[in-house]
Protein backbone atom coordinates (compact mmCIF):
# COMPACT_ATOMS: atom_id res chain seq x y z
CA UNK A 1 0.00 0.00 0.00
CA UNK A 2 1.29 3.49 -0.80
CA UNK A 3 0.32 7.10 -0.40
CA UNK A 4 1.40 9.68 -3.00
CA UNK A 5 3.93 7.25 -4.38
CA UNK A 6 5.51 6.58 -0.94
CA UNK A 7 5.11 3.41 1.04
CA UNK A 8 2.82 3.89 4.04
CA UNK A 9 5.66 3.05 6.46
CA UNK A 10 7.62 6.05 5.19
CA UNK A 11 4.58 8.29 5.61
CA UNK A 12 4.23 7.26 9.27
CA UNK A 13 7.97 7.67 9.74
CA UNK A 14 7.85 11.19 8.27
CA UNK A 15 4.86 12.07 10.47
CA UNK A 16 6.75 10.80 13.51
CA UNK A 17 9.76 12.92 12.61
CA UNK A 18 7.55 15.98 12.14
CA UNK A 19 5.95 15.45 15.55
CA UNK A 20 9.35 14.88 17.17
CA UNK A 21 10.78 18.08 15.67
CA UNK A 22 7.68 20.04 16.68
CA UNK A 23 7.92 18.74 20.27
CA UNK A 24 11.63 19.60 20.36
CA UNK A 25 10.82 23.14 19.21
CA UNK A 26 8.17 23.47 21.95
CA UNK A 27 10.59 22.10 24.56
CA UNK A 28 13.28 24.56 23.48
CA UNK A 29 10.86 27.49 23.70
CA UNK A 30 9.67 26.40 27.15
CA UNK A 31 13.24 26.06 28.33
CA UNK A 32 14.07 29.56 27.06
CA UNK A 33 10.94 30.98 28.71
CA UNK A 34 11.81 29.25 32.00
CA UNK A 35 15.33 30.66 31.84
CA UNK A 36 13.91 34.15 31.23
CA UNK A 37 11.52 33.80 34.18
CA UNK A 38 14.37 32.62 36.40
CA UNK A 39 16.52 35.59 35.40
CA UNK A 40 13.66 38.03 35.97
CA UNK A 41 12.96 36.60 39.44
CA UNK A 42 16.67 36.68 40.33
CA UNK A 43 17.03 40.30 39.23
CA UNK A 44 13.89 41.36 41.10
CA UNK A 45 15.06 39.67 44.32
CA UNK A 46 18.48 41.27 43.96
CA UNK A 47 16.86 44.67 43.50
CA UNK A 48 14.61 44.15 46.55
CA UNK A 49 17.59 43.05 48.68
CA UNK A 50 19.54 46.16 47.72
CA UNK A 51 16.53 48.36 48.45
CA UNK A 52 15.99 46.74 51.87
CA UNK A 53 19.68 47.11 52.73
CA UNK A 54 19.66 50.76 51.77
CA UNK A 55 16.44 51.49 53.68
CA UNK A 56 17.61 49.73 56.84
CA UNK A 57 20.92 51.58 56.70
CA UNK A 58 19.11 54.91 56.46
CA UNK A 59 16.80 53.95 59.33
CA UNK A 60 19.78 52.94 61.46
CA UNK A 61 21.58 56.19 60.78
CA UNK A 62 18.43 58.16 61.61
CA UNK A 63 17.90 56.23 64.85
CA UNK A 64 21.51 56.82 65.83
CA UNK A 65 21.20 60.52 65.05
CA UNK A 66 18.04 60.84 67.12
CA UNK A 67 19.46 58.91 70.07
CA UNK A 68 22.52 61.18 70.12
CA UNK A 69 20.40 64.28 69.85
CA UNK A 70 17.75 63.28 72.44
CA UNK A 71 19.33 60.66 74.72
CA UNK A 72 17.08 61.15 77.76
CA UNK A 73 13.88 61.13 75.74
CA UNK A 74 14.95 57.93 73.96
CA UNK A 75 15.74 56.18 77.25
CA UNK A 76 12.44 57.32 78.79
CA UNK A 77 10.52 56.15 75.72
CA UNK A 78 12.27 52.77 75.75
CA UNK A 79 11.49 52.32 79.46
CA UNK A 80 7.84 53.25 78.91
CA UNK A 81 7.55 50.90 75.97
CA UNK A 82 9.19 48.08 77.93
CA UNK A 83 6.82 48.69 80.83
CA UNK A 84 3.77 48.59 78.56
CA UNK A 85 4.92 45.41 76.84
CA UNK A 86 5.63 43.80 80.22
CA UNK A 87 2.17 44.76 81.53
CA UNK A 88 0.40 43.49 78.44
CA UNK A 89 2.06 40.06 78.71
CA UNK A 90 0.58 39.38 82.17
C-alpha atoms as a PDB file:
ATOM      1  CA  UNK A   1       0.000   0.000   0.000  1.00  0.00           C
ATOM      2  CA  UNK A   2       1.287   3.489  -0.800  1.00  0.00           C
ATOM      3  CA  UNK A   3       0.321   7.100  -0.401  1.00  0.00           C
ATOM      4  CA  UNK A   4       1.399   9.683  -3.001  1.00  0.00           C
ATOM      5  CA  UNK A   5       3.927   7.255  -4.378  1.00  0.00           C
ATOM      6  CA  UNK A   6       5.511   6.577  -0.945  1.00  0.00           C
ATOM      7  CA  UNK A   7       5.112   3.414   1.038  1.00  0.00           C
ATOM      8  CA  UNK A   8       2.817   3.889   4.038  1.00  0.00           C
ATOM      9  CA  UNK A   9       5.659   3.046   6.459  1.00  0.00           C
ATOM     10  CA  UNK A  10       7.625   6.048   5.194  1.00  0.00           C
ATOM     11  CA  UNK A  11       4.575   8.288   5.607  1.00  0.00           C
ATOM     12  CA  UNK A  12       4.227   7.263   9.265  1.00  0.00           C
ATOM     13  CA  UNK A  13       7.972   7.672   9.736  1.00  0.00           C
ATOM     14  CA  UNK A  14       7.852  11.194   8.268  1.00  0.00           C
ATOM     15  CA  UNK A  15       4.862  12.074  10.467  1.00  0.00           C
ATOM     16  CA  UNK A  16       6.747  10.801  13.511  1.00  0.00           C
ATOM     17  CA  UNK A  17       9.764  12.920  12.609  1.00  0.00           C
ATOM     18  CA  UNK A  18       7.546  15.982  12.142  1.00  0.00           C
ATOM     19  CA  UNK A  19       5.951  15.445  15.549  1.00  0.00           C
ATOM     20  CA  UNK A  20       9.347  14.880  17.166  1.00  0.00           C
ATOM     21  CA  UNK A  21      10.783  18.081  15.675  1.00  0.00           C
ATOM     22  CA  UNK A  22       7.675  20.045  16.684  1.00  0.00           C
ATOM     23  CA  UNK A  23       7.920  18.745  20.268  1.00  0.00           C
ATOM     24  CA  UNK A  24      11.634  19.604  20.359  1.00  0.00           C
ATOM     25  CA  UNK A  25      10.817  23.144  19.214  1.00  0.00           C
ATOM     26  CA  UNK A  26       8.171  23.473  21.945  1.00  0.00           C
ATOM     27  CA  UNK A  27      10.589  22.105  24.563  1.00  0.00           C
ATOM     28  CA  UNK A  28      13.281  24.565  23.484  1.00  0.00           C
ATOM     29  CA  UNK A  29      10.858  27.487  23.699  1.00  0.00           C
ATOM     30  CA  UNK A  30       9.668  26.403  27.148  1.00  0.00           C
ATOM     31  CA  UNK A  31      13.241  26.064  28.326  1.00  0.00           C
ATOM     32  CA  UNK A  32      14.067  29.555  27.061  1.00  0.00           C
ATOM     33  CA  UNK A  33      10.942  30.977  28.713  1.00  0.00           C
ATOM     34  CA  UNK A  34      11.806  29.254  32.003  1.00  0.00           C
ATOM     35  CA  UNK A  35      15.327  30.664  31.845  1.00  0.00           C
ATOM     36  CA  UNK A  36      13.906  34.148  31.234  1.00  0.00           C
ATOM     37  CA  UNK A  37      11.520  33.803  34.179  1.00  0.00           C
ATOM     38  CA  UNK A  38      14.369  32.619  36.401  1.00  0.00           C
ATOM     39  CA  UNK A  39      16.520  35.587  35.402  1.00  0.00           C
ATOM     40  CA  UNK A  40      13.663  38.034  35.970  1.00  0.00           C
ATOM     41  CA  UNK A  41      12.963  36.603  39.437  1.00  0.00           C
ATOM     42  CA  UNK A  42      16.671  36.680  40.330  1.00  0.00           C
ATOM     43  CA  UNK A  43      17.027  40.303  39.226  1.00  0.00           C
ATOM     44  CA  UNK A  44      13.892  41.364  41.104  1.00  0.00           C
ATOM     45  CA  UNK A  45      15.059  39.669  44.315  1.00  0.00           C
ATOM     46  CA  UNK A  46      18.484  41.267  43.962  1.00  0.00           C
ATOM     47  CA  UNK A  47      16.864  44.675  43.501  1.00  0.00           C
ATOM     48  CA  UNK A  48      14.614  44.153  46.552  1.00  0.00           C
ATOM     49  CA  UNK A  49      17.588  43.051  48.678  1.00  0.00           C
ATOM     50  CA  UNK A  50      19.535  46.163  47.716  1.00  0.00           C
ATOM     51  CA  UNK A  51      16.525  48.364  48.451  1.00  0.00           C
ATOM     52  CA  UNK A  52      15.992  46.744  51.866  1.00  0.00           C
ATOM     53  CA  UNK A  53      19.680  47.109  52.734  1.00  0.00           C
ATOM     54  CA  UNK A  54      19.659  50.764  51.774  1.00  0.00           C
ATOM     55  CA  UNK A  55      16.440  51.487  53.677  1.00  0.00           C
ATOM     56  CA  UNK A  56      17.605  49.730  56.839  1.00  0.00           C
ATOM     57  CA  UNK A  57      20.920  51.578  56.701  1.00  0.00           C
ATOM     58  CA  UNK A  58      19.114  54.908  56.457  1.00  0.00           C
ATOM     59  CA  UNK A  59      16.796  53.955  59.328  1.00  0.00           C
ATOM     60  CA  UNK A  60      19.777  52.940  61.464  1.00  0.00           C
ATOM     61  CA  UNK A  61      21.584  56.194  60.780  1.00  0.00           C
ATOM     62  CA  UNK A  62      18.428  58.158  61.609  1.00  0.00           C
ATOM     63  CA  UNK A  63      17.899  56.226  64.852  1.00  0.00           C
ATOM     64  CA  UNK A  64      21.511  56.816  65.830  1.00  0.00           C
ATOM     65  CA  UNK A  65      21.201  60.518  65.047  1.00  0.00           C
ATOM     66  CA  UNK A  66      18.036  60.844  67.119  1.00  0.00           C
ATOM     67  CA  UNK A  67      19.461  58.914  70.071  1.00  0.00           C
ATOM     68  CA  UNK A  68      22.516  61.178  70.119  1.00  0.00           C
ATOM     69  CA  UNK A  69      20.398  64.285  69.849  1.00  0.00           C
ATOM     70  CA  UNK A  70      17.753  63.276  72.435  1.00  0.00           C
ATOM     71  CA  UNK A  71      19.328  60.657  74.721  1.00  0.00           C
ATOM     72  CA  UNK A  72      17.084  61.146  77.756  1.00  0.00           C
ATOM     73  CA  UNK A  73      13.882  61.128  75.743  1.00  0.00           C
ATOM     74  CA  UNK A  74      14.953  57.926  73.957  1.00  0.00           C
ATOM     75  CA  UNK A  75      15.737  56.181  77.248  1.00  0.00           C
ATOM     76  CA  UNK A  76      12.438  57.324  78.790  1.00  0.00           C
ATOM     77  CA  UNK A  77      10.518  56.149  75.720  1.00  0.00           C
ATOM     78  CA  UNK A  78      12.268  52.770  75.753  1.00  0.00           C
ATOM     79  CA  UNK A  79      11.491  52.319  79.461  1.00  0.00           C
ATOM     80  CA  UNK A  80       7.840  53.248  78.915  1.00  0.00           C
ATOM     81  CA  UNK A  81       7.547  50.902  75.973  1.00  0.00           C
ATOM     82  CA  UNK A  82       9.195  48.082  77.933  1.00  0.00           C
ATOM     83  CA  UNK A  83       6.822  48.693  80.832  1.00  0.00           C
ATOM     84  CA  UNK A  84       3.768  48.593  78.563  1.00  0.00           C
ATOM     85  CA  UNK A  85       4.919  45.408  76.836  1.00  0.00           C
ATOM     86  CA  UNK A  86       5.626  43.799  80.225  1.00  0.00           C
ATOM     87  CA  UNK A  87       2.170  44.757  81.528  1.00  0.00           C
ATOM     88  CA  UNK A  88       0.402  43.494  78.440  1.00  0.00           C
ATOM     89  CA  UNK A  89       2.061  40.057  78.706  1.00  0.00           C
ATOM     90  CA  UNK A  90       0.579  39.382  82.172  1.00  0.00           C
END
